[in-house]
Amino acid sequence: MTTNTQTTTRTQEDVGYETSKFALGVGIVMAALVGLWGATCLISALANVGPLNILKNYFTALIG
């Protein structure tokens, strides 16, 4: 009877660990995709508008 209780508890712990590991992996992948998308947008803006205009507009947005 003791063996069954330990086995059940260990299985539940394993499932919780695997679920957390999967969720962390999905979060890391999503963060990487967002970062790549942001870098792509920045490179596109640099190519279309130019770096000086981007800096000018950035400071205008900060100052108001």
PDB file of N, CA and C in Angstrom:
ATOM      1  N   MET A   1       0.824  -1.191   0.000  1.00  0.00           N
ATOM      2  CA  MET A   1       0.000   0.000   0.000  1.00  0.00           C
ATOM      3  C   MET A   1       0.870   1.258   0.000  1.00  0.00           C
ATOM      4  N   THR A   2       1.931   1.217   0.694  1.00  0.00           N
ATOM      5  CA  THR A   2       2.832   2.364   0.716  1.00  0.00           C
ATOM      6  C   THR A   2       3.448   2.599  -0.657  1.00  0.00           C
ATOM      7  N   THR A   3       3.768   1.536  -1.369  1.00  0.00           N
ATOM      8  CA  THR A   3       4.372   1.644  -2.688  1.00  0.00           C
ATOM      9  C   THR A   3       3.431   2.334  -3.665  1.00  0.00           C
ATOM     10  N   ASN A   4       2.139   2.009  -3.625  1.00  0.00           N
ATOM     11  CA  ASN A   4       1.165   2.630  -4.513  1.00  0.00           C
ATOM     12  C   ASN A   4       1.044   4.128  -4.253  1.00  0.00           C
ATOM     13  N   THR A   5       1.070   4.523  -2.997  1.00  0.00           N
ATOM     14  CA  THR A   5       0.959   5.935  -2.655  1.00  0.00           C
ATOM     15  C   THR A   5       2.175   6.698  -3.164  1.00  0.00           C
ATOM     16  N   GLN A   6       3.365   6.142  -3.009  1.00  0.00           N
ATOM     17  CA  GLN A   6       4.575   6.812  -3.470  1.00  0.00           C
ATOM     18  C   GLN A   6       4.603   6.892  -4.993  1.00  0.00           C
ATOM     19  N   THR A   7       4.162   5.852  -5.644  1.00  0.00           N
ATOM     20  CA  THR A   7       4.148   5.835  -7.101  1.00  0.00           C
ATOM     21  C   THR A   7       3.181   6.891  -7.629  1.00  0.00           C
ATOM     22  N   THR A   8       2.004   6.977  -7.034  1.00  0.00           N
ATOM     23  CA  THR A   8       1.017   7.964  -7.455  1.00  0.00           C
ATOM     24  C   THR A   8       1.542   9.371  -7.231  1.00  0.00           C
ATOM     25  N   THR A   9       2.133   9.645  -6.098  1.00  0.00           N
ATOM     26  CA  THR A   9       2.665  10.971  -5.810  1.00  0.00           C
ATOM     27  C   THR A   9       3.799  11.318  -6.768  1.00  0.00           C
ATOM     28  N   ARG A  10       4.677  10.363  -7.007  1.00  0.00           N
ATOM     29  CA  ARG A  10       5.795  10.619  -7.915  1.00  0.00           C
ATOM     30  C   ARG A  10       5.289  10.888  -9.334  1.00  0.00           C
ATOM     31  N   THR A  11       4.281  10.193  -9.776  1.00  0.00           N
ATOM     32  CA  THR A  11       3.730  10.404 -11.115  1.00  0.00           C
ATOM     33  C   THR A  11       3.120  11.803 -11.213  1.00  0.00           C
ATOM     34  N   GLN A  12       2.408  12.229 -10.202  1.00  0.00           N
ATOM     35  CA  GLN A  12       1.820  13.562 -10.207  1.00  0.00           C
ATOM     36  C   GLN A  12       2.910  14.630 -10.219  1.00  0.00           C
ATOM     37  N   GLU A  13       3.987  14.401  -9.480  1.00  0.00           N
ATOM     38  CA  GLU A  13       5.095  15.355  -9.476  1.00  0.00           C
ATOM     39  C   GLU A  13       5.757  15.403 -10.852  1.00  0.00           C
ATOM     40  N   ASP A  14       5.922  14.253 -11.482  1.00  0.00           N
ATOM     41  CA  ASP A  14       6.526  14.205 -12.809  1.00  0.00           C
ATOM     42  C   ASP A  14       5.674  14.952 -13.830  1.00  0.00           C
ATOM     43  N   VAL A  15       4.360  14.778 -13.751  1.00  0.00           N
ATOM     44  CA  VAL A  15       3.463  15.462 -14.681  1.00  0.00           C
ATOM     45  C   VAL A  15       3.549  16.970 -14.460  1.00  0.00           C
ATOM     46  N   GLY A  16       3.579  17.401 -13.214  1.00  0.00           N
ATOM     47  CA  GLY A  16       3.706  18.832 -12.924  1.00  0.00           C
ATOM     48  C   GLY A  16       5.016  19.397 -13.436  1.00  0.00           C
ATOM     49  N   TYR A  17       6.096  18.650 -13.265  1.00  0.00           N
ATOM     50  CA  TYR A  17       7.407  19.092 -13.733  1.00  0.00           C
ATOM     51  C   TYR A  17       7.438  19.185 -15.253  1.00  0.00           C
ATOM     52  N   GLU A  18       6.912  18.182 -15.912  1.00  0.00           N
ATOM     53  CA  GLU A  18       6.896  18.184 -17.374  1.00  0.00           C
ATOM     54  C   GLU A  18       6.022  19.304 -17.920  1.00  0.00           C
ATOM     55  N   THR A  19       4.897  19.561 -17.268  1.00  0.00           N
ATOM     56  CA  THR A  19       4.017  20.652 -17.698  1.00  0.00           C
ATOM     57  C   THR A  19       4.717  21.995 -17.540  1.00  0.00           C
ATOM     58  N   SER A  20       5.396  22.190 -16.430  1.00  0.00           N
ATOM     59  CA  SER A  20       6.127  23.439 -16.213  1.00  0.00           C
ATOM     60  C   SER A  20       7.258  23.593 -17.220  1.00  0.00           C
ATOM     61  N   LYS A  21       7.944  22.501 -17.503  1.00  0.00           N
ATOM     62  CA  LYS A  21       9.034  22.532 -18.474  1.00  0.00           C
ATOM     63  C   LYS A  21       8.507  22.900 -19.867  1.00  0.00           C
ATOM     64  N   PHE A  22       7.378  22.334 -20.237  1.00  0.00           N
ATOM     65  CA  PHE A  22       6.772  22.638 -21.531  1.00  0.00           C
ATOM     66  C   PHE A  22       6.336  24.104 -21.594  1.00  0.00           C
ATOM     67  N   ALA A  23       5.695  24.589 -20.531  1.00  0.00           N
ATOM     68  CA  ALA A  23       5.233  25.979 -20.510  1.00  0.00           C
ATOM     69  C   ALA A  23       6.407  26.943 -20.590  1.00  0.00           C
ATOM     70  N   LEU A  24       7.497  26.641 -19.906  1.00  0.00           N
ATOM     71  CA  LEU A  24       8.683  27.482 -19.971  1.00  0.00           C
ATOM     72  C   LEU A  24       9.266  27.479 -21.378  1.00  0.00           C
ATOM     73  N   GLY A  25       9.308  26.327 -22.000  1.00  0.00           N
ATOM     74  CA  GLY A  25       9.806  26.237 -23.374  1.00  0.00           C
ATOM     75  C   GLY A  25       8.966  27.046 -24.342  1.00  0.00           C
ATOM     76  N   VAL A  26       7.650  26.964 -24.200  1.00  0.00           N
ATOM     77  CA  VAL A  26       6.756  27.741 -25.064  1.00  0.00           C
ATOM     78  C   VAL A  26       6.968  29.231 -24.829  1.00  0.00           C
ATOM     79  N   GLY A  27       7.137  29.636 -23.583  1.00  0.00           N
ATOM     80  CA  GLY A  27       7.382  31.044 -23.269  1.00  0.00           C
ATOM     81  C   GLY A  27       8.677  31.546 -23.873  1.00  0.00           C
ATOM     82  N   ILE A  28       9.716  30.739 -23.812  1.00  0.00           N
ATOM     83  CA  ILE A  28      11.005  31.133 -24.379  1.00  0.00           C
ATOM     84  C   ILE A  28      10.900  31.266 -25.895  1.00  0.00           C
ATOM     85  N   VAL A  29      10.223  30.323 -26.531  1.00  0.00           N
ATOM     86  CA  VAL A  29      10.062  30.385 -27.985  1.00  0.00           C
ATOM     87  C   VAL A  29       9.260  31.622 -28.382  1.00  0.00           C
ATOM     88  N   MET A  30       8.197  31.920 -27.654  1.00  0.00           N
ATOM     89  CA  MET A  30       7.384  33.100 -27.975  1.00  0.00           C
ATOM     90  C   MET A  30       8.184  34.382 -27.776  1.00  0.00           C
ATOM     91  N   ALA A  31       8.983  34.460 -26.718  1.00  0.00           N
ATOM     92  CA  ALA A  31       9.814  35.647 -26.492  1.00  0.00           C
ATOM     93  C   ALA A  31      10.832  35.810 -27.618  1.00  0.00           C
ATOM     94  N   ALA A  32      11.398  34.707 -28.081  1.00  0.00           N
ATOM     95  CA  ALA A  32      12.353  34.774 -29.190  1.00  0.00           C
ATOM     96  C   ALA A  32      11.670  35.256 -30.468  1.00  0.00           C
ATOM     97  N   LEU A  33      10.470  34.778 -30.731  1.00  0.00           N
ATOM     98  CA  LEU A  33       9.738  35.213 -31.926  1.00  0.00           C
ATOM     99  C   LEU A  33       9.399  36.701 -31.866  1.00  0.00           C
ATOM    100  N   VAL A  34       9.003  37.183 -30.704  1.00  0.00           N
ATOM    101  CA  VAL A  34       8.695  38.607 -30.550  1.00  0.00           C
ATOM    102  C   VAL A  34       9.962  39.441 -30.757  1.00  0.00           C
ATOM    103  N   GLY A  35      11.074  38.985 -30.216  1.00  0.00           N
ATOM    104  CA  GLY A  35      12.337  39.691 -30.404  1.00  0.00           C
ATOM    105  C   GLY A  35      12.769  39.734 -31.865  1.00  0.00           C
ATOM    106  N   LEU A  36      12.635  38.615 -32.556  1.00  0.00           N
ATOM    107  CA  LEU A  36      12.975  38.584 -33.976  1.00  0.00           C
ATOM    108  C   LEU A  36      12.065  39.495 -34.796  1.00  0.00           C
ATOM    109  N   TRP A  37      10.784  39.508 -34.451  1.00  0.00           N
ATOM    110  CA  TRP A  37       9.845  40.364 -35.164  1.00  0.00           C
ATOM    111  C   TRP A  37      10.195  41.837 -34.926  1.00  0.00           C
ATOM    112  N   GLY A  38      10.544  42.193 -33.699  1.00  0.00           N
ATOM    113  CA  GLY A  38      10.933  43.571 -33.402  1.00  0.00           C
ATOM    114  C   GLY A  38      12.195  43.974 -34.148  1.00  0.00           C
ATOM    115  N   ALA A  39      13.181  43.077 -34.184  1.00  0.00           N
ATOM    116  CA  ALA A  39      14.421  43.373 -34.915  1.00  0.00           C
ATOM    117  C   ALA A  39      14.145  43.526 -36.403  1.00  0.00           C
ATOM    118  N   THR A  40      13.262  42.702 -36.943  1.00  0.00           N
ATOM    119  CA  THR A  40      12.897  42.799 -38.359  1.00  0.00           C
ATOM    120  C   THR A  40      12.219  44.136 -38.655  1.00  0.00           C
ATOM    121  N   CYS A  41      11.333  44.557 -37.773  1.00  0.00           N
ATOM    122  CA  CYS A  41      10.664  45.847 -37.968  1.00  0.00           C
ATOM    123  C   CYS A  41      11.646  47.003 -37.881  1.00  0.00           C
ATOM    124  N   LEU A  42      12.600  46.933 -36.965  1.00  0.00           N
ATOM    125  CA  LEU A  42      13.600  47.983 -36.837  1.00  0.00           C
ATOM    126  C   LEU A  42      14.486  48.054 -38.077  1.00  0.00           C
ATOM    127  N   ILE A  43      14.908  46.919 -38.576  1.00  0.00           N
ATOM    128  CA  ILE A  43      15.729  46.890 -39.792  1.00  0.00           C
ATOM    129  C   ILE A  43      14.935  47.430 -40.977  1.00  0.00           C
ATOM    130  N   SER A  44      13.668  47.091 -41.064  1.00  0.00           N
ATOM    131  CA  SER A  44      12.814  47.596 -42.142  1.00  0.00           C
ATOM    132  C   SER A  44      12.682  49.116 -42.060  1.00  0.00           C
ATOM    133  N   ALA A  45      12.496  49.637 -40.855  1.00  0.00           N
ATOM    134  CA  ALA A  45      12.389  51.087 -40.684  1.00  0.00           C
ATOM    135  C   ALA A  45      13.700  51.770 -41.033  1.00  0.00           C
ATOM    136  N   LEU A  46      14.814  51.175 -40.651  1.00  0.00           N
ATOM    137  CA  LEU A  46      16.113  51.755 -41.004  1.00  0.00           C
ATOM    138  C   LEU A  46      16.301  51.808 -42.512  1.00  0.00           C
ATOM    139  N   ALA A  47      15.859  50.785 -43.203  1.00  0.00           N
ATOM    140  CA  ALA A  47      16.003  50.737 -44.654  1.00  0.00           C
ATOM    141  C   ALA A  47      15.079  51.732 -45.351  1.00  0.00           C
ATOM    142  N   ASN A  48      13.875  51.910 -44.835  1.00  0.00           N
ATOM    143  CA  ASN A  48      12.893  52.769 -45.497  1.00  0.00           C
ATOM    144  C   ASN A  48      13.036  54.246 -45.146  1.00  0.00           C
ATOM    145  N   VAL A  49      13.302  54.557 -43.898  1.00  0.00           N
ATOM    146  CA  VAL A  49      13.276  55.937 -43.440  1.00  0.00           C
ATOM    147  C   VAL A  49      14.676  56.492 -43.224  1.00  0.00           C
ATOM    148  N   GLY A  50      15.564  55.657 -42.724  1.00  0.00           N
ATOM    149  CA  GLY A  50      16.917  56.109 -42.444  1.00  0.00           C
ATOM    150  C   GLY A  50      17.144  56.256 -40.942  1.00  0.00           C
ATOM    151  N   PRO A  51      18.382  56.054 -40.510  1.00  0.00           N
ATOM    152  CA  PRO A  51      18.661  56.073 -39.081  1.00  0.00           C
ATOM    153  C   PRO A  51      18.478  57.442 -38.430  1.00  0.00           C
ATOM    154  N   LEU A  52      18.788  58.531 -39.136  1.00  0.00           N
ATOM    155  CA  LEU A  52      18.650  59.859 -38.534  1.00  0.00           C
ATOM    156  C   LEU A  52      17.189  60.223 -38.293  1.00  0.00           C
ATOM    157  N   ASN A  53      16.325  59.867 -39.234  1.00  0.00           N
ATOM    158  CA  ASN A  53      14.894  60.139 -39.048  1.00  0.00           C
ATOM    159  C   ASN A  53      14.308  59.292 -37.919  1.00  0.00           C
ATOM    160  N   ILE A  54      14.797  58.082 -37.783  1.00  0.00           N
ATOM    161  CA  ILE A  54      14.307  57.232 -36.691  1.00  0.00           C
ATOM    162  C   ILE A  54      14.703  57.832 -35.346  1.00  0.00           C
ATOM    163  N   LEU A  55      15.961  58.278 -35.219  1.00  0.00           N
ATOM    164  CA  LEU A  55      16.390  58.908 -33.966  1.00  0.00           C
ATOM    165  C   LEU A  55      15.622  60.194 -33.688  1.00  0.00           C
ATOM    166  N   LYS A  56      15.423  61.016 -34.734  1.00  0.00           N
ATOM    167  CA  LYS A  56      14.672  62.269 -34.568  1.00  0.00           C
ATOM    168  C   LYS A  56      13.245  61.988 -34.088  1.00  0.00           C
ATOM    169  N   ASN A  57      12.586  61.019 -34.715  1.00  0.00           N
ATOM    170  CA  ASN A  57      11.212  60.682 -34.328  1.00  0.00           C
ATOM    171  C   ASN A  57      11.155  60.035 -32.953  1.00  0.00           C
ATOM    172  N   TYR A  58      12.187  59.280 -32.600  1.00  0.00           N
ATOM    173  CA  TYR A  58      12.236  58.663 -31.265  1.00  0.00           C
ATOM    174  C   TYR A  58      12.309  59.743 -30.190  1.00  0.00           C
ATOM    175  N   PHE A  59      13.197  60.723 -30.379  1.00  0.00           N
ATOM    176  CA  PHE A  59      13.324  61.794 -29.393  1.00  0.00           C
ATOM    177  C   PHE A  59      12.080  62.674 -29.376  1.00  0.00           C
ATOM    178  N   THR A  60      11.455  62.854 -30.524  1.00  0.00           N
ATOM    179  CA  THR A  60      10.203  63.606 -30.570  1.00  0.00           C
ATOM    180  C   THR A  60       9.112  62.884 -29.779  1.00  0.00           C
ATOM    181  N   ALA A  61       9.079  61.575 -29.873  1.00  0.00           N
ATOM    182  CA  ALA A  61       8.088  60.800 -29.131  1.00  0.00           C
ATOM    183  C   ALA A  61       8.356  60.879 -27.626  1.00  0.00           C
ATOM    184  N   LEU A  62       9.614  60.890 -27.232  1.00  0.00           N
ATOM    185  CA  LEU A  62       9.946  60.973 -25.805  1.00  0.00           C
ATOM    186  C   LEU A  62       9.632  62.361 -25.232  1.00  0.00           C
ATOM    187  N   ILE A  63      10.014  63.393 -25.965  1.00  0.00           N
ATOM    188  CA  ILE A  63       9.865  64.767 -25.462  1.00  0.00           C
ATOM    189  C   ILE A  63       8.429  65.256 -25.636  1.00  0.00           C
ATOM    190  N   GLY A  64       7.844  64.988 -26.773  1.00  0.00           N
ATOM    191  CA  GLY A  64       6.461  65.345 -26.986  1.00  0.00           C
ATOM    192  C   GLY A  64       6.245  66.428 -27.933  1.00  0.00           C
TER     193      GLY A  64
END
